[in-house]
Amino acid sequence: MKLIKRWGRAFGLFWWDFLVGDTPELFVATLVIVAVALLLGHHHESGYLMLPALAIVFLVLSAYRGRRRTGPVGAKPTKQTDAPS
């Protein structure tokens, strides 16, 4: 039973890392875009405009979030206290 639990956990962690990885917001964005595509299945005209717009919005937000996390270009990195010296 322990072996099955261990394999199940390893399988789940693999898929979590594969699908979510370092950017969970892009995983959520993909789920939202797929859900909107399913909801707009019979409204082709709306889908042609809505889906690319959603993809652009999510990519811009992700880039903004990544840019905010790393700081401005050319800025000197701050000294981290938890890093070994």
PDB file of N, CA and C in Angstrom:
ATOM      1  N   MET A   1       0.820  -1.190   0.000  1.00  0.00           N
ATOM      2  CA  MET A   1       0.000   0.000   0.000  1.00  0.00           C
ATOM      3  C   MET A   1       0.869   1.261   0.000  1.00  0.00           C
ATOM      4  N   LYS A   2       1.991   1.241   0.719  1.00  0.00           N
ATOM      5  CA  LYS A   2       2.880   2.399   0.754  1.00  0.00           C
ATOM      6  C   LYS A   2       3.464   2.680  -0.621  1.00  0.00           C
ATOM      7  N   LEU A   3       3.763   1.599  -1.367  1.00  0.00           N
ATOM      8  CA  LEU A   3       4.324   1.766  -2.700  1.00  0.00           C
ATOM      9  C   LEU A   3       3.320   2.447  -3.625  1.00  0.00           C
ATOM     10  N   ILE A   4       2.071   2.071  -3.549  1.00  0.00           N
ATOM     11  CA  ILE A   4       1.032   2.682  -4.382  1.00  0.00           C
ATOM     12  C   ILE A   4       0.853   4.155  -4.015  1.00  0.00           C
ATOM     13  N   LYS A   5       0.874   4.462  -2.711  1.00  0.00           N
ATOM     14  CA  LYS A   5       0.760   5.855  -2.274  1.00  0.00           C
ATOM     15  C   LYS A   5       1.935   6.682  -2.802  1.00  0.00           C
ATOM     16  N   ARG A   6       3.141   6.116  -2.709  1.00  0.00           N
ATOM     17  CA  ARG A   6       4.330   6.825  -3.153  1.00  0.00           C
ATOM     18  C   ARG A   6       4.284   7.073  -4.660  1.00  0.00           C
ATOM     19  N   TRP A   7       3.886   6.059  -5.417  1.00  0.00           N
ATOM     20  CA  TRP A   7       3.776   6.218  -6.868  1.00  0.00           C
ATOM     21  C   TRP A   7       2.686   7.224  -7.225  1.00  0.00           C
ATOM     22  N   GLY A   8       1.565   7.162  -6.525  1.00  0.00           N
ATOM     23  CA  GLY A   8       0.485   8.116  -6.782  1.00  0.00           C
ATOM     24  C   GLY A   8       0.912   9.541  -6.495  1.00  0.00           C
ATOM     25  N   ARG A   9       1.627   9.727  -5.404  1.00  0.00           N
ATOM     26  CA  ARG A   9       2.124  11.065  -5.052  1.00  0.00           C
ATOM     27  C   ARG A   9       3.129  11.555  -6.086  1.00  0.00           C
ATOM     28  N   ALA A  10       4.045  10.677  -6.494  1.00  0.00           N
ATOM     29  CA  ALA A  10       5.040  11.065  -7.502  1.00  0.00           C
ATOM     30  C   ALA A  10       4.354  11.413  -8.824  1.00  0.00           C
ATOM     31  N   PHE A  11       3.339  10.645  -9.197  1.00  0.00           N
ATOM     32  CA  PHE A  11       2.593  10.914 -10.430  1.00  0.00           C
ATOM     33  C   PHE A  11       1.892  12.267 -10.349  1.00  0.00           C
ATOM     34  N   GLY A  12       1.251  12.545  -9.218  1.00  0.00           N
ATOM     35  CA  GLY A  12       0.576  13.824  -9.021  1.00  0.00           C
ATOM     36  C   GLY A  12       1.538  14.996  -9.030  1.00  0.00           C
ATOM     37  N   LEU A  13       2.681  14.849  -8.375  1.00  0.00           N
ATOM     38  CA  LEU A  13       3.679  15.919  -8.346  1.00  0.00           C
ATOM     39  C   LEU A  13       4.271  16.170  -9.733  1.00  0.00           C
ATOM     40  N   PHE A  14       4.447  15.095 -10.503  1.00  0.00           N
ATOM     41  CA  PHE A  14       4.939  15.264 -11.869  1.00  0.00           C
ATOM     42  C   PHE A  14       3.970  16.114 -12.680  1.00  0.00           C
ATOM     43  N   TRP A  15       2.681  15.767 -12.633  1.00  0.00           N
ATOM     44  CA  TRP A  15       1.698  16.512 -13.418  1.00  0.00           C
ATOM     45  C   TRP A  15       1.542  17.933 -12.905  1.00  0.00           C
ATOM     46  N   TRP A  16       1.615  18.143 -11.598  1.00  0.00           N
ATOM     47  CA  TRP A  16       1.544  19.497 -11.051  1.00  0.00           C
ATOM     48  C   TRP A  16       2.704  20.329 -11.582  1.00  0.00           C
ATOM     49  N   ASP A  17       3.914  19.779 -11.534  1.00  0.00           N
ATOM     50  CA  ASP A  17       5.087  20.504 -12.011  1.00  0.00           C
ATOM     51  C   ASP A  17       5.014  20.717 -13.520  1.00  0.00           C
ATOM     52  N   PHE A  18       4.509  19.729 -14.247  1.00  0.00           N
ATOM     53  CA  PHE A  18       4.417  19.829 -15.703  1.00  0.00           C
ATOM     54  C   PHE A  18       3.386  20.874 -16.124  1.00  0.00           C
ATOM     55  N   LEU A  19       2.222  20.876 -15.499  1.00  0.00           N
ATOM     56  CA  LEU A  19       1.151  21.785 -15.898  1.00  0.00           C
ATOM     57  C   LEU A  19       1.277  23.164 -15.272  1.00  0.00           C
ATOM     58  N   VAL A  20       1.613  23.234 -14.007  1.00  0.00           N
ATOM     59  CA  VAL A  20       1.651  24.509 -13.307  1.00  0.00           C
ATOM     60  C   VAL A  20       3.057  25.101 -13.360  1.00  0.00           C
ATOM     61  N   GLY A  21       4.045  24.335 -12.969  1.00  0.00           N
ATOM     62  CA  GLY A  21       5.427  24.793 -13.028  1.00  0.00           C
ATOM     63  C   GLY A  21       5.673  26.041 -12.212  1.00  0.00           C
ATOM     64  N   ASP A  22       6.378  27.004 -12.804  1.00  0.00           N
ATOM     65  CA  ASP A  22       6.744  28.237 -12.110  1.00  0.00           C
ATOM     66  C   ASP A  22       5.694  29.332 -12.245  1.00  0.00           C
ATOM     67  N   THR A  23       4.734  29.156 -13.150  1.00  0.00           N
ATOM     68  CA  THR A  23       3.765  30.218 -13.411  1.00  0.00           C
ATOM     69  C   THR A  23       2.335  29.698 -13.296  1.00  0.00           C
ATOM     70  N   PRO A  24       1.829  29.621 -12.085  1.00  0.00           N
ATOM     71  CA  PRO A  24       0.455  29.136 -11.926  1.00  0.00           C
ATOM     72  C   PRO A  24      -0.576  30.051 -12.564  1.00  0.00           C
ATOM     73  N   GLU A  25      -0.252  31.339 -12.738  1.00  0.00           N
ATOM     74  CA  GLU A  25      -1.231  32.235 -13.355  1.00  0.00           C
ATOM     75  C   GLU A  25      -1.478  31.877 -14.821  1.00  0.00           C
ATOM     76  N   LEU A  26      -0.475  31.356 -15.511  1.00  0.00           N
ATOM     77  CA  LEU A  26      -0.693  30.939 -16.900  1.00  0.00           C
ATOM     78  C   LEU A  26      -1.518  29.659 -16.973  1.00  0.00           C
ATOM     79  N   PHE A  27      -1.395  28.797 -16.000  1.00  0.00           N
ATOM     80  CA  PHE A  27      -2.233  27.596 -15.937  1.00  0.00           C
ATOM     81  C   PHE A  27      -3.688  27.986 -15.723  1.00  0.00           C
ATOM     82  N   VAL A  28      -3.922  28.906 -14.801  1.00  0.00           N
ATOM     83  CA  VAL A  28      -5.286  29.383 -14.542  1.00  0.00           C
ATOM     84  C   VAL A  28      -5.821  30.109 -15.778  1.00  0.00           C
ATOM     85  N   ALA A  29      -4.981  30.897 -16.431  1.00  0.00           N
ATOM     86  CA  ALA A  29      -5.400  31.599 -17.643  1.00  0.00           C
ATOM     87  C   ALA A  29      -5.811  30.615 -18.730  1.00  0.00           C
ATOM     88  N   THR A  30      -5.058  29.535 -18.878  1.00  0.00           N
ATOM     89  CA  THR A  30      -5.396  28.515 -19.861  1.00  0.00           C
ATOM     90  C   THR A  30      -6.744  27.879 -19.543  1.00  0.00           C
ATOM     91  N   LEU A  31      -6.983  27.583 -18.271  1.00  0.00           N
ATOM     92  CA  LEU A  31      -8.277  27.022 -17.884  1.00  0.00           C
ATOM     93  C   LEU A  31      -9.415  27.988 -18.178  1.00  0.00           C
ATOM     94  N   VAL A  32      -9.204  29.271 -17.912  1.00  0.00           N
ATOM     95  CA  VAL A  32     -10.243  30.279 -18.177  1.00  0.00           C
ATOM     96  C   VAL A  32     -10.510  30.385 -19.675  1.00  0.00           C
ATOM     97  N   ILE A  33      -9.462  30.417 -20.478  1.00  0.00           N
ATOM     98  CA  ILE A  33      -9.632  30.544 -21.923  1.00  0.00           C
ATOM     99  C   ILE A  33     -10.344  29.321 -22.499  1.00  0.00           C
ATOM    100  N   VAL A  34      -9.996  28.133 -22.032  1.00  0.00           N
ATOM    101  CA  VAL A  34     -10.674  26.921 -22.509  1.00  0.00           C
ATOM    102  C   VAL A  34     -12.143  26.933 -22.090  1.00  0.00           C
ATOM    103  N   ALA A  35     -12.429  27.367 -20.867  1.00  0.00           N
ATOM    104  CA  ALA A  35     -13.820  27.439 -20.401  1.00  0.00           C
ATOM    105  C   ALA A  35     -14.618  28.444 -21.227  1.00  0.00           C
ATOM    106  N   VAL A  36     -14.036  29.594 -21.518  1.00  0.00           N
ATOM    107  CA  VAL A  36     -14.724  30.595 -22.338  1.00  0.00           C
ATOM    108  C   VAL A  36     -14.940  30.058 -23.749  1.00  0.00           C
ATOM    109  N   ALA A  37     -13.965  29.344 -24.287  1.00  0.00           N
ATOM    110  CA  ALA A  37     -14.114  28.751 -25.618  1.00  0.00           C
ATOM    111  C   ALA A  37     -15.268  27.752 -25.641  1.00  0.00           C
ATOM    112  N   LEU A  38     -15.394  26.961 -24.576  1.00  0.00           N
ATOM    113  CA  LEU A  38     -16.504  26.013 -24.511  1.00  0.00           C
ATOM    114  C   LEU A  38     -17.846  26.730 -24.404  1.00  0.00           C
ATOM    115  N   LEU A  39     -17.882  27.811 -23.625  1.00  0.00           N
ATOM    116  CA  LEU A  39     -19.125  28.564 -23.480  1.00  0.00           C
ATOM    117  C   LEU A  39     -19.521  29.293 -24.762  1.00  0.00           C
ATOM    118  N   LEU A  40     -18.534  29.712 -25.539  1.00  0.00           N
ATOM    119  CA  LEU A  40     -18.799  30.424 -26.787  1.00  0.00           C
ATOM    120  C   LEU A  40     -18.783  29.497 -27.997  1.00  0.00           C
ATOM    121  N   GLY A  41     -19.020  28.223 -27.786  1.00  0.00           N
ATOM    122  CA  GLY A  41     -18.940  27.243 -28.867  1.00  0.00           C
ATOM    123  C   GLY A  41     -19.832  27.537 -30.045  1.00  0.00           C
ATOM    124  N   HIS A  42     -21.012  28.073 -29.818  1.00  0.00           N
ATOM    125  CA  HIS A  42     -21.955  28.340 -30.904  1.00  0.00           C
ATOM    126  C   HIS A  42     -21.976  29.810 -31.322  1.00  0.00           C
ATOM    127  N   HIS A  43     -21.174  30.624 -30.681  1.00  0.00           N
ATOM    128  CA  HIS A  43     -21.105  32.048 -31.008  1.00  0.00           C
ATOM    129  C   HIS A  43     -19.737  32.341 -31.606  1.00  0.00           C
ATOM    130  N   HIS A  44     -19.575  31.966 -32.864  1.00  0.00           N
ATOM    131  CA  HIS A  44     -18.259  32.042 -33.497  1.00  0.00           C
ATOM    132  C   HIS A  44     -17.727  33.467 -33.580  1.00  0.00           C
ATOM    133  N   GLU A  45     -18.588  34.425 -33.899  1.00  0.00           N
ATOM    134  CA  GLU A  45     -18.121  35.803 -34.048  1.00  0.00           C
ATOM    135  C   GLU A  45     -17.561  36.336 -32.731  1.00  0.00           C
ATOM    136  N   SER A  46     -18.246  36.058 -31.641  1.00  0.00           N
ATOM    137  CA  SER A  46     -17.765  36.507 -30.343  1.00  0.00           C
ATOM    138  C   SER A  46     -16.455  35.812 -29.970  1.00  0.00           C
ATOM    139  N   GLY A  47     -16.361  34.541 -30.282  1.00  0.00           N
ATOM    140  CA  GLY A  47     -15.156  33.776 -29.967  1.00  0.00           C
ATOM    141  C   GLY A  47     -13.929  34.274 -30.706  1.00  0.00           C
ATOM    142  N   TYR A  48     -14.138  34.714 -31.979  1.00  0.00           N
ATOM    143  CA  TYR A  48     -13.014  35.213 -32.766  1.00  0.00           C
ATOM    144  C   TYR A  48     -12.396  36.458 -32.146  1.00  0.00           C
ATOM    145  N   LEU A  49     -13.201  37.224 -31.442  1.00  0.00           N
ATOM    146  CA  LEU A  49     -12.693  38.437 -30.806  1.00  0.00           C
ATOM    147  C   LEU A  49     -12.289  38.206 -29.354  1.00  0.00           C
ATOM    148  N   MET A  50     -13.084  37.422 -28.639  1.00  0.00           N
ATOM    149  CA  MET A  50     -12.903  37.267 -27.192  1.00  0.00           C
ATOM    150  C   MET A  50     -11.670  36.425 -26.846  1.00  0.00           C
ATOM    151  N   LEU A  51     -11.453  35.321 -27.526  1.00  0.00           N
ATOM    152  CA  LEU A  51     -10.365  34.416 -27.147  1.00  0.00           C
ATOM    153  C   LEU A  51      -8.975  35.005 -27.368  1.00  0.00           C
ATOM    154  N   PRO A  52      -8.691  35.616 -28.523  1.00  0.00           N
ATOM    155  CA  PRO A  52      -7.380  36.261 -28.651  1.00  0.00           C
ATOM    156  C   PRO A  52      -7.211  37.429 -27.675  1.00  0.00           C
ATOM    157  N   ALA A  53      -8.289  38.172 -27.415  1.00  0.00           N
ATOM    158  CA  ALA A  53      -8.198  39.282 -26.466  1.00  0.00           C
ATOM    159  C   ALA A  53      -7.880  38.763 -25.066  1.00  0.00           C
ATOM    160  N   LEU A  54      -8.533  37.680 -24.656  1.00  0.00           N
ATOM    161  CA  LEU A  54      -8.232  37.088 -23.348  1.00  0.00           C
ATOM    162  C   LEU A  54      -6.790  36.615 -23.269  1.00  0.00           C
ATOM    163  N   ALA A  55      -6.310  35.969 -24.325  1.00  0.00           N
ATOM    164  CA  ALA A  55      -4.924  35.489 -24.335  1.00  0.00           C
ATOM    165  C   ALA A  55      -3.947  36.653 -24.212  1.00  0.00           C
ATOM    166  N   ILE A  56      -4.208  37.739 -24.929  1.00  0.00           N
ATOM    167  CA  ILE A  56      -3.326  38.908 -24.866  1.00  0.00           C
ATOM    168  C   ILE A  56      -3.354  39.517 -23.466  1.00  0.00           C
ATOM    169  N   VAL A  57      -4.542  39.654 -22.896  1.00  0.00           N
ATOM    170  CA  VAL A  57      -4.660  40.237 -21.553  1.00  0.00           C
ATOM    171  C   VAL A  57      -3.896  39.397 -20.536  1.00  0.00           C
ATOM    172  N   PHE A  58      -4.070  38.083 -20.570  1.00  0.00           N
ATOM    173  CA  PHE A  58      -3.384  37.227 -19.605  1.00  0.00           C
ATOM    174  C   PHE A  58      -1.872  37.253 -19.798  1.00  0.00           C
ATOM    175  N   LEU A  59      -1.397  37.299 -21.033  1.00  0.00           N
ATOM    176  CA  LEU A  59       0.048  37.360 -21.266  1.00  0.00           C
ATOM    177  C   LEU A  59       0.639  38.683 -20.797  1.00  0.00           C
ATOM    178  N   VAL A  60      -0.081  39.777 -21.031  1.00  0.00           N
ATOM    179  CA  VAL A  60       0.397  41.084 -20.564  1.00  0.00           C
ATOM    180  C   VAL A  60       0.435  41.116 -19.032  1.00  0.00           C
ATOM    181  N   LEU A  61      -0.614  40.598 -18.395  1.00  0.00           N
ATOM    182  CA  LEU A  61      -0.631  40.564 -16.933  1.00  0.00           C
ATOM    183  C   LEU A  61       0.492  39.697 -16.378  1.00  0.00           C
ATOM    184  N   SER A  62       0.755  38.571 -17.026  1.00  0.00           N
ATOM    185  CA  SER A  62       1.832  37.699 -16.579  1.00  0.00           C
ATOM    186  C   SER A  62       3.193  38.378 -16.748  1.00  0.00           C
ATOM    187  N   ALA A  63       3.379  39.059 -17.871  1.00  0.00           N
ATOM    188  CA  ALA A  63       4.642  39.772 -18.095  1.00  0.00           C
ATOM    189  C   ALA A  63       4.805  40.901 -17.084  1.00  0.00           C
ATOM    190  N   TYR A  64       3.725  41.618 -16.791  1.00  0.00           N
ATOM    191  CA  TYR A  64       3.776  42.690 -15.802  1.00  0.00           C
ATOM    192  C   TYR A  64       4.125  42.135 -14.428  1.00  0.00           C
ATOM    193  N   ARG A  65       3.508  41.014 -14.078  1.00  0.00           N
ATOM    194  CA  ARG A  65       3.789  40.386 -12.779  1.00  0.00           C
ATOM    195  C   ARG A  65       5.248  39.928 -12.701  1.00  0.00           C
ATOM    196  N   GLY A  66       5.757  39.342 -13.782  1.00  0.00           N
ATOM    197  CA  GLY A  66       7.151  38.912 -13.815  1.00  0.00           C
ATOM    198  C   GLY A  66       8.110  40.081 -13.775  1.00  0.00           C
ATOM    199  N   ARG A  67       7.763  41.129 -14.449  1.00  0.00           N
ATOM    200  CA  ARG A  67       8.607  42.330 -14.460  1.00  0.00           C
ATOM    201  C   ARG A  67       8.640  42.968 -13.070  1.00  0.00           C
ATOM    202  N   ARG A  68       7.487  43.005 -12.411  1.00  0.00           N
ATOM    203  CA  ARG A  68       7.410  43.595 -11.080  1.00  0.00           C
ATOM    204  C   ARG A  68       8.203  42.758 -10.081  1.00  0.00           C
ATOM    205  N   ARG A  69       8.207  41.440 -10.286  1.00  0.00           N
ATOM    206  CA  ARG A  69       8.913  40.545  -9.378  1.00  0.00           C
ATOM    207  C   ARG A  69      10.425  40.702  -9.498  1.00  0.00           C
ATOM    208  N   THR A  70      10.923  40.958 -10.711  1.00  0.00           N
ATOM    209  CA  THR A  70      12.363  41.033 -10.914  1.00  0.00           C
ATOM    210  C   THR A  70      12.913  42.442 -10.799  1.00  0.00           C
ATOM    211  N   GLY A  71      12.088  43.445 -10.949  1.00  0.00           N
ATOM    212  CA  GLY A  71      12.550  44.825 -10.834  1.00  0.00           C
ATOM    213  C   GLY A  71      12.913  45.393 -12.187  1.00  0.00           C
ATOM    214  N   PRO A  72      13.312  46.663 -12.228  1.00  0.00           N
ATOM    215  CA  PRO A  72      13.621  47.321 -13.495  1.00  0.00           C
ATOM    216  C   PRO A  72      14.899  46.772 -14.127  1.00  0.00           C
ATOM    217  N   VAL A  73      14.975  46.936 -15.433  1.00  0.00           N
ATOM    218  CA  VAL A  73      16.153  46.484 -16.179  1.00  0.00           C
ATOM    219  C   VAL A  73      17.335  47.358 -15.793  1.00  0.00           C
ATOM    220  N   GLY A  74      18.469  46.749 -15.536  1.00  0.00           N
ATOM    221  CA  GLY A  74      19.680  47.474 -15.195  1.00  0.00           C
ATOM    222  C   GLY A  74      19.836  47.761 -13.713  1.00  0.00           C
ATOM    223  N   ALA A  75      18.833  47.425 -12.920  1.00  0.00           N
ATOM    224  CA  ALA A  75      18.930  47.671 -11.480  1.00  0.00           C
ATOM    225  C   ALA A  75      19.862  46.638 -10.866  1.00  0.00           C
ATOM    226  N   LYS A  76      20.621  47.088  -9.892  1.00  0.00           N
ATOM    227  CA  LYS A  76      21.525  46.169  -9.211  1.00  0.00           C
ATOM    228  C   LYS A  76      20.718  45.278  -8.274  1.00  0.00           C
ATOM    229  N   PRO A  77      21.029  43.984  -8.259  1.00  0.00           N
ATOM    230  CA  PRO A  77      20.298  43.093  -7.353  1.00  0.00           C
ATOM    231  C   PRO A  77      20.584  43.443  -5.898  1.00  0.00           C
ATOM    232  N   THR A  78      19.581  43.297  -5.077  1.00  0.00           N
ATOM    233  CA  THR A  78      19.768  43.570  -3.655  1.00  0.00           C
ATOM    234  C   THR A  78      20.430  42.376  -2.995  1.00  0.00           C
ATOM    235  N   LYS A  79      21.129  42.630  -1.923  1.00  0.00           N
ATOM    236  CA  LYS A  79      21.807  41.563  -1.200  1.00  0.00           C
ATOM    237  C   LYS A  79      20.766  40.756  -0.433  1.00  0.00           C
ATOM    238  N   GLN A  80      20.763  39.453  -0.657  1.00  0.00           N
ATOM    239  CA  GLN A  80      19.808  38.587   0.007  1.00  0.00           C
ATOM    240  C   GLN A  80      20.399  38.105   1.320  1.00  0.00           C
ATOM    241  N   THR A  81      19.563  38.101   2.343  1.00  0.00           N
ATOM    242  CA  THR A  81      20.058  37.704   3.661  1.00  0.00           C
ATOM    243  C   THR A  81      20.091  36.196   3.834  1.00  0.00           C
ATOM    244  N   ASP A  82      19.257  35.467   3.069  1.00  0.00           N
ATOM    245  CA  ASP A  82      19.202  34.020   3.264  1.00  0.00           C
ATOM    246  C   ASP A  82      20.210  33.268   2.384  1.00  0.00           C
ATOM    247  N   ALA A  83      20.893  33.956   1.498  1.00  0.00           N
ATOM    248  CA  ALA A  83      21.866  33.304   0.631  1.00  0.00           C
ATOM    249  C   ALA A  83      23.179  33.096   1.392  1.00  0.00           C
ATOM    250  N   PRO A  84      23.840  31.971   1.166  1.00  0.00           N
ATOM    251  CA  PRO A  84      25.132  31.742   1.829  1.00  0.00           C
ATOM    252  C   PRO A  84      26.170  32.716   1.271  1.00  0.00           C
ATOM    253  N   SER A  85      27.072  33.161   2.121  1.00  0.00           N
ATOM    254  CA  SER A  85      28.091  34.124   1.673  1.00  0.00           C
ATOM    255  C   SER A  85      29.403  33.451   1.386  1.00  0.00           C
TER     256      SER A  85
END
